[in-house]
Amino acid sequence: MPIPLDDQICFSLYATSMAINRTYKPMLDEMGITYPQYLALNVLGENNGDGATVGAIAQRLALESSTITPLVKRLEQAGLVVRQRSTVDERQVRVKLTASGRALLDRCDCLGQTLLAKSAMTLEQLGALNRQVQALRDTLVDEAKT
């Protein structure tokens, strides 16, 4: 007999991720961006304005560069990022936030605040849960490399 879905961590994490996406969606729609675009903007925000290559964004998000390229192009069309091809290696494209992109990223703080409010958890509880999930992810990623 199969294990019930609710007793499987893979399903619990998947269903939780979907619930978080549904929580974020109205706010992201209002800002005019998708969840993957939000994640890419966050990667760029982590780099203190230095930007990142398309490959680095893809690596940080565990996605393929071919998935990131169209996403970044749409962000550029919206005026949120600028892309610049490397003069040293033309295969590399560096992406940087514009002032509008940084302002939008600042507005995204409401996502975390909303999640905290709707979760019925404290900031400390959410932080501890996040660290546990990250540890599980890191262990599984490391195990896959061996």
C-alpha atoms as a PDB file:
ATOM      1  CA  MET A   1       0.000   0.000   0.000  1.00  0.00           C
ATOM      2  CA  PRO A   2       1.459   3.407  -0.944  1.00  0.00           C
ATOM      3  CA  ILE A   3       2.294   5.978   1.702  1.00  0.00           C
ATOM      4  CA  PRO A   4      -0.460   8.623   1.900  1.00  0.00           C
ATOM      5  CA  LEU A   5       0.565  11.842   0.171  1.00  0.00           C
ATOM      6  CA  ASP A   6       0.249  13.915   3.341  1.00  0.00           C
ATOM      7  CA  ASP A   7       2.851  11.662   4.967  1.00  0.00           C
ATOM      8  CA  GLN A   8       5.379  12.290   2.166  1.00  0.00           C
ATOM      9  CA  ILE A   9       7.704  15.263   2.617  1.00  0.00           C
ATOM     10  CA  CYS A  10       8.011  15.724  -1.148  1.00  0.00           C
ATOM     11  CA  PHE A  11       4.274  16.341  -1.420  1.00  0.00           C
ATOM     12  CA  SER A  12       4.165  18.554   1.685  1.00  0.00           C
ATOM     13  CA  LEU A  13       6.932  20.768   0.284  1.00  0.00           C
ATOM     14  CA  TYR A  14       5.328  20.847  -3.172  1.00  0.00           C
ATOM     15  CA  ALA A  15       1.861  21.716  -1.823  1.00  0.00           C
ATOM     16  CA  THR A  16       3.348  24.366   0.484  1.00  0.00           C
ATOM     17  CA  SER A  17       5.254  25.906  -2.413  1.00  0.00           C
ATOM     18  CA  MET A  18       2.049  26.062  -4.443  1.00  0.00           C
ATOM     19  CA  ALA A  19       0.197  27.666  -1.503  1.00  0.00           C
ATOM     20  CA  ILE A  20       2.930  30.293  -1.133  1.00  0.00           C
ATOM     21  CA  ASN A  21       2.770  31.020  -4.872  1.00  0.00           C
ATOM     22  CA  ARG A  22      -1.020  31.490  -4.622  1.00  0.00           C
ATOM     23  CA  THR A  23      -0.474  33.854  -1.674  1.00  0.00           C
ATOM     24  CA  TYR A  24       2.069  35.905  -3.627  1.00  0.00           C
ATOM     25  CA  LYS A  25       0.252  35.914  -6.986  1.00  0.00           C
ATOM     26  CA  PRO A  26      -2.171  38.825  -6.430  1.00  0.00           C
ATOM     27  CA  MET A  27       0.647  41.063  -5.219  1.00  0.00           C
ATOM     28  CA  LEU A  28       2.982  40.009  -8.040  1.00  0.00           C
ATOM     29  CA  ASP A  29       0.183  40.554 -10.581  1.00  0.00           C
ATOM     30  CA  GLU A  30      -0.297  44.060  -9.194  1.00  0.00           C
ATOM     31  CA  MET A  31       3.452  44.686  -9.634  1.00  0.00           C
ATOM     32  CA  GLY A  32       3.358  43.261 -13.164  1.00  0.00           C
ATOM     33  CA  ILE A  33       5.850  40.432 -12.619  1.00  0.00           C
ATOM     34  CA  THR A  34       5.758  36.665 -12.357  1.00  0.00           C
ATOM     35  CA  TYR A  35       7.146  34.560  -9.531  1.00  0.00           C
ATOM     36  CA  PRO A  36      10.223  33.487 -11.559  1.00  0.00           C
ATOM     37  CA  GLN A  37      10.847  37.153 -12.423  1.00  0.00           C
ATOM     38  CA  TYR A  38      10.560  37.998  -8.723  1.00  0.00           C
ATOM     39  CA  LEU A  39      13.189  35.363  -7.949  1.00  0.00           C
ATOM     40  CA  ALA A  40      15.526  36.716 -10.643  1.00  0.00           C
ATOM     41  CA  LEU A  41      15.148  40.262  -9.294  1.00  0.00           C
ATOM     42  CA  ASN A  42      16.045  38.929  -5.845  1.00  0.00           C
ATOM     43  CA  VAL A  43      19.212  37.318  -7.194  1.00  0.00           C
ATOM     44  CA  LEU A  44      20.201  40.652  -8.713  1.00  0.00           C
ATOM     45  CA  GLY A  45      19.353  42.403  -5.446  1.00  0.00           C
ATOM     46  CA  GLU A  46      21.703  40.074  -3.551  1.00  0.00           C
ATOM     47  CA  ASN A  47      24.655  41.376  -5.575  1.00  0.00           C
ATOM     48  CA  ASN A  48      24.662  44.964  -4.246  1.00  0.00           C
ATOM     49  CA  GLY A  49      24.103  46.508  -7.658  1.00  0.00           C
ATOM     50  CA  ASP A  50      26.948  44.642  -9.350  1.00  0.00           C
ATOM     51  CA  GLY A  51      24.535  42.543 -11.352  1.00  0.00           C
ATOM     52  CA  ALA A  52      25.048  38.943 -12.390  1.00  0.00           C
ATOM     53  CA  THR A  53      25.476  36.962 -15.553  1.00  0.00           C
ATOM     54  CA  VAL A  54      22.529  35.067 -16.974  1.00  0.00           C
ATOM     55  CA  GLY A  55      24.429  31.871 -16.112  1.00  0.00           C
ATOM     56  CA  ALA A  56      24.905  32.955 -12.495  1.00  0.00           C
ATOM     57  CA  ILE A  57      21.205  33.773 -12.159  1.00  0.00           C
ATOM     58  CA  ALA A  58      20.333  30.373 -13.594  1.00  0.00           C
ATOM     59  CA  GLN A  59      22.741  28.614 -11.258  1.00  0.00           C
ATOM     60  CA  ARG A  60      21.420  30.452  -8.187  1.00  0.00           C
ATOM     61  CA  LEU A  61      17.835  29.496  -9.090  1.00  0.00           C
ATOM     62  CA  ALA A  62      18.754  25.919 -10.121  1.00  0.00           C
ATOM     63  CA  LEU A  63      17.434  26.554 -13.637  1.00  0.00           C
ATOM     64  CA  GLU A  64      18.850  26.373 -17.142  1.00  0.00           C
ATOM     65  CA  SER A  65      20.240  29.525 -18.757  1.00  0.00           C
ATOM     66  CA  SER A  66      17.800  28.966 -21.622  1.00  0.00           C
ATOM     67  CA  THR A  67      14.966  29.428 -19.107  1.00  0.00           C
ATOM     68  CA  ILE A  68      16.442  32.632 -17.678  1.00  0.00           C
ATOM     69  CA  THR A  69      17.188  34.391 -20.978  1.00  0.00           C
ATOM     70  CA  PRO A  70      13.562  35.034 -22.043  1.00  0.00           C
ATOM     71  CA  LEU A  71      12.641  35.963 -18.480  1.00  0.00           C
ATOM     72  CA  VAL A  72      15.447  38.553 -18.364  1.00  0.00           C
ATOM     73  CA  LYS A  73      14.433  39.899 -21.779  1.00  0.00           C
ATOM     74  CA  ARG A  74      10.911  40.519 -20.477  1.00  0.00           C
ATOM     75  CA  LEU A  75      12.330  42.253 -17.393  1.00  0.00           C
ATOM     76  CA  GLU A  76      14.429  44.437 -19.686  1.00  0.00           C
ATOM     77  CA  GLN A  77      11.393  45.307 -21.829  1.00  0.00           C
ATOM     78  CA  ALA A  78       9.631  46.360 -18.623  1.00  0.00           C
ATOM     79  CA  GLY A  79      12.568  48.657 -17.772  1.00  0.00           C
ATOM     80  CA  LEU A  80      13.500  46.701 -14.637  1.00  0.00           C
ATOM     81  CA  VAL A  81      16.931  45.473 -15.759  1.00  0.00           C
ATOM     82  CA  VAL A  82      19.560  46.199 -18.376  1.00  0.00           C
ATOM     83  CA  ARG A  83      21.536  43.526 -20.189  1.00  0.00           C
ATOM     84  CA  GLN A  84      25.062  44.001 -21.443  1.00  0.00           C
ATOM     85  CA  ARG A  85      27.101  41.495 -23.411  1.00  0.00           C
ATOM     86  CA  SER A  86      30.615  40.985 -22.072  1.00  0.00           C
ATOM     87  CA  THR A  87      33.386  42.551 -24.149  1.00  0.00           C
ATOM     88  CA  VAL A  88      35.749  39.809 -22.938  1.00  0.00           C
ATOM     89  CA  ASP A  89      33.475  36.811 -23.612  1.00  0.00           C
ATOM     90  CA  GLU A  90      30.512  37.615 -25.830  1.00  0.00           C
ATOM     91  CA  ARG A  91      28.767  34.422 -24.679  1.00  0.00           C
ATOM     92  CA  GLN A  92      28.245  36.068 -21.287  1.00  0.00           C
ATOM     93  CA  VAL A  93      25.458  38.558 -20.694  1.00  0.00           C
ATOM     94  CA  ARG A  94      25.570  40.644 -17.510  1.00  0.00           C
ATOM     95  CA  VAL A  95      22.252  41.776 -16.044  1.00  0.00           C
ATOM     96  CA  LYS A  96      21.830  44.719 -13.661  1.00  0.00           C
ATOM     97  CA  LEU A  97      18.842  46.223 -11.906  1.00  0.00           C
ATOM     98  CA  THR A  98      17.684  49.635 -13.077  1.00  0.00           C
ATOM     99  CA  ALA A  99      16.426  52.227 -10.598  1.00  0.00           C
ATOM    100  CA  SER A 100      12.900  51.035 -11.429  1.00  0.00           C
ATOM    101  CA  GLY A 101      13.925  47.424 -10.828  1.00  0.00           C
ATOM    102  CA  ARG A 102      15.428  48.278  -7.439  1.00  0.00           C
ATOM    103  CA  ALA A 103      12.294  50.232  -6.483  1.00  0.00           C
ATOM    104  CA  LEU A 104      10.104  47.288  -7.476  1.00  0.00           C
ATOM    105  CA  LEU A 105      12.302  44.899  -5.514  1.00  0.00           C
ATOM    106  CA  ASP A 106      11.870  47.168  -2.480  1.00  0.00           C
ATOM    107  CA  ARG A 107       8.091  46.950  -2.946  1.00  0.00           C
ATOM    108  CA  CYS A 108       8.384  43.149  -2.866  1.00  0.00           C
ATOM    109  CA  ASP A 109       8.966  43.288   0.905  1.00  0.00           C
ATOM    110  CA  CYS A 110       5.195  43.024   1.228  1.00  0.00           C
ATOM    111  CA  LEU A 111       5.401  39.390   0.056  1.00  0.00           C
ATOM    112  CA  GLY A 112       7.352  38.229   3.083  1.00  0.00           C
ATOM    113  CA  GLN A 113       5.247  40.341   5.413  1.00  0.00           C
ATOM    114  CA  THR A 114       2.054  38.857   3.977  1.00  0.00           C
ATOM    115  CA  LEU A 115       3.392  35.320   4.238  1.00  0.00           C
ATOM    116  CA  LEU A 116       4.357  35.905   7.849  1.00  0.00           C
ATOM    117  CA  ALA A 117       0.928  37.350   8.667  1.00  0.00           C
ATOM    118  CA  LYS A 118      -0.970  34.531   6.940  1.00  0.00           C
ATOM    119  CA  SER A 119       1.241  31.698   8.199  1.00  0.00           C
ATOM    120  CA  ALA A 120       0.194  31.956  11.850  1.00  0.00           C
ATOM    121  CA  MET A 121       3.878  31.435  12.661  1.00  0.00           C
ATOM    122  CA  THR A 122       6.389  33.742  14.281  1.00  0.00           C
ATOM    123  CA  LEU A 123       9.348  35.096  12.366  1.00  0.00           C
ATOM    124  CA  GLU A 124      11.564  32.785  14.414  1.00  0.00           C
ATOM    125  CA  GLN A 125       9.430  29.735  13.594  1.00  0.00           C
ATOM    126  CA  LEU A 126       9.455  30.519   9.872  1.00  0.00           C
ATOM    127  CA  GLY A 127      13.204  31.097  10.013  1.00  0.00           C
ATOM    128  CA  ALA A 128      13.796  27.762  11.749  1.00  0.00           C
ATOM    129  CA  LEU A 129      11.592  25.954   9.233  1.00  0.00           C
ATOM    130  CA  ASN A 130      13.431  27.627   6.359  1.00  0.00           C
ATOM    131  CA  ARG A 131      16.810  26.563   7.766  1.00  0.00           C
ATOM    132  CA  GLN A 132      15.575  22.959   8.086  1.00  0.00           C
ATOM    133  CA  VAL A 133      14.309  22.914   4.504  1.00  0.00           C
ATOM    134  CA  GLN A 134      17.594  24.463   3.288  1.00  0.00           C
ATOM    135  CA  ALA A 135      19.593  21.824   5.169  1.00  0.00           C
ATOM    136  CA  LEU A 136      17.518  19.077   3.549  1.00  0.00           C
ATOM    137  CA  ARG A 137      18.003  20.666   0.109  1.00  0.00           C
ATOM    138  CA  ASP A 138      21.747  21.055   0.617  1.00  0.00           C
ATOM    139  CA  THR A 139      22.111  17.446   1.753  1.00  0.00           C
ATOM    140  CA  LEU A 140      20.165  16.161  -1.241  1.00  0.00           C
ATOM    141  CA  VAL A 141      22.148  18.346  -3.664  1.00  0.00           C
ATOM    142  CA  ASP A 142      25.448  17.187  -2.146  1.00  0.00           C
ATOM    143  CA  GLU A 143      24.308  13.558  -2.278  1.00  0.00           C
ATOM    144  CA  ALA A 144      23.378  13.924  -5.955  1.00  0.00           C
ATOM    145  CA  LYS A 145      26.919  15.107  -6.729  1.00  0.00           C
ATOM    146  CA  THR A 146      28.460  11.865  -5.402  1.00  0.00           C
END
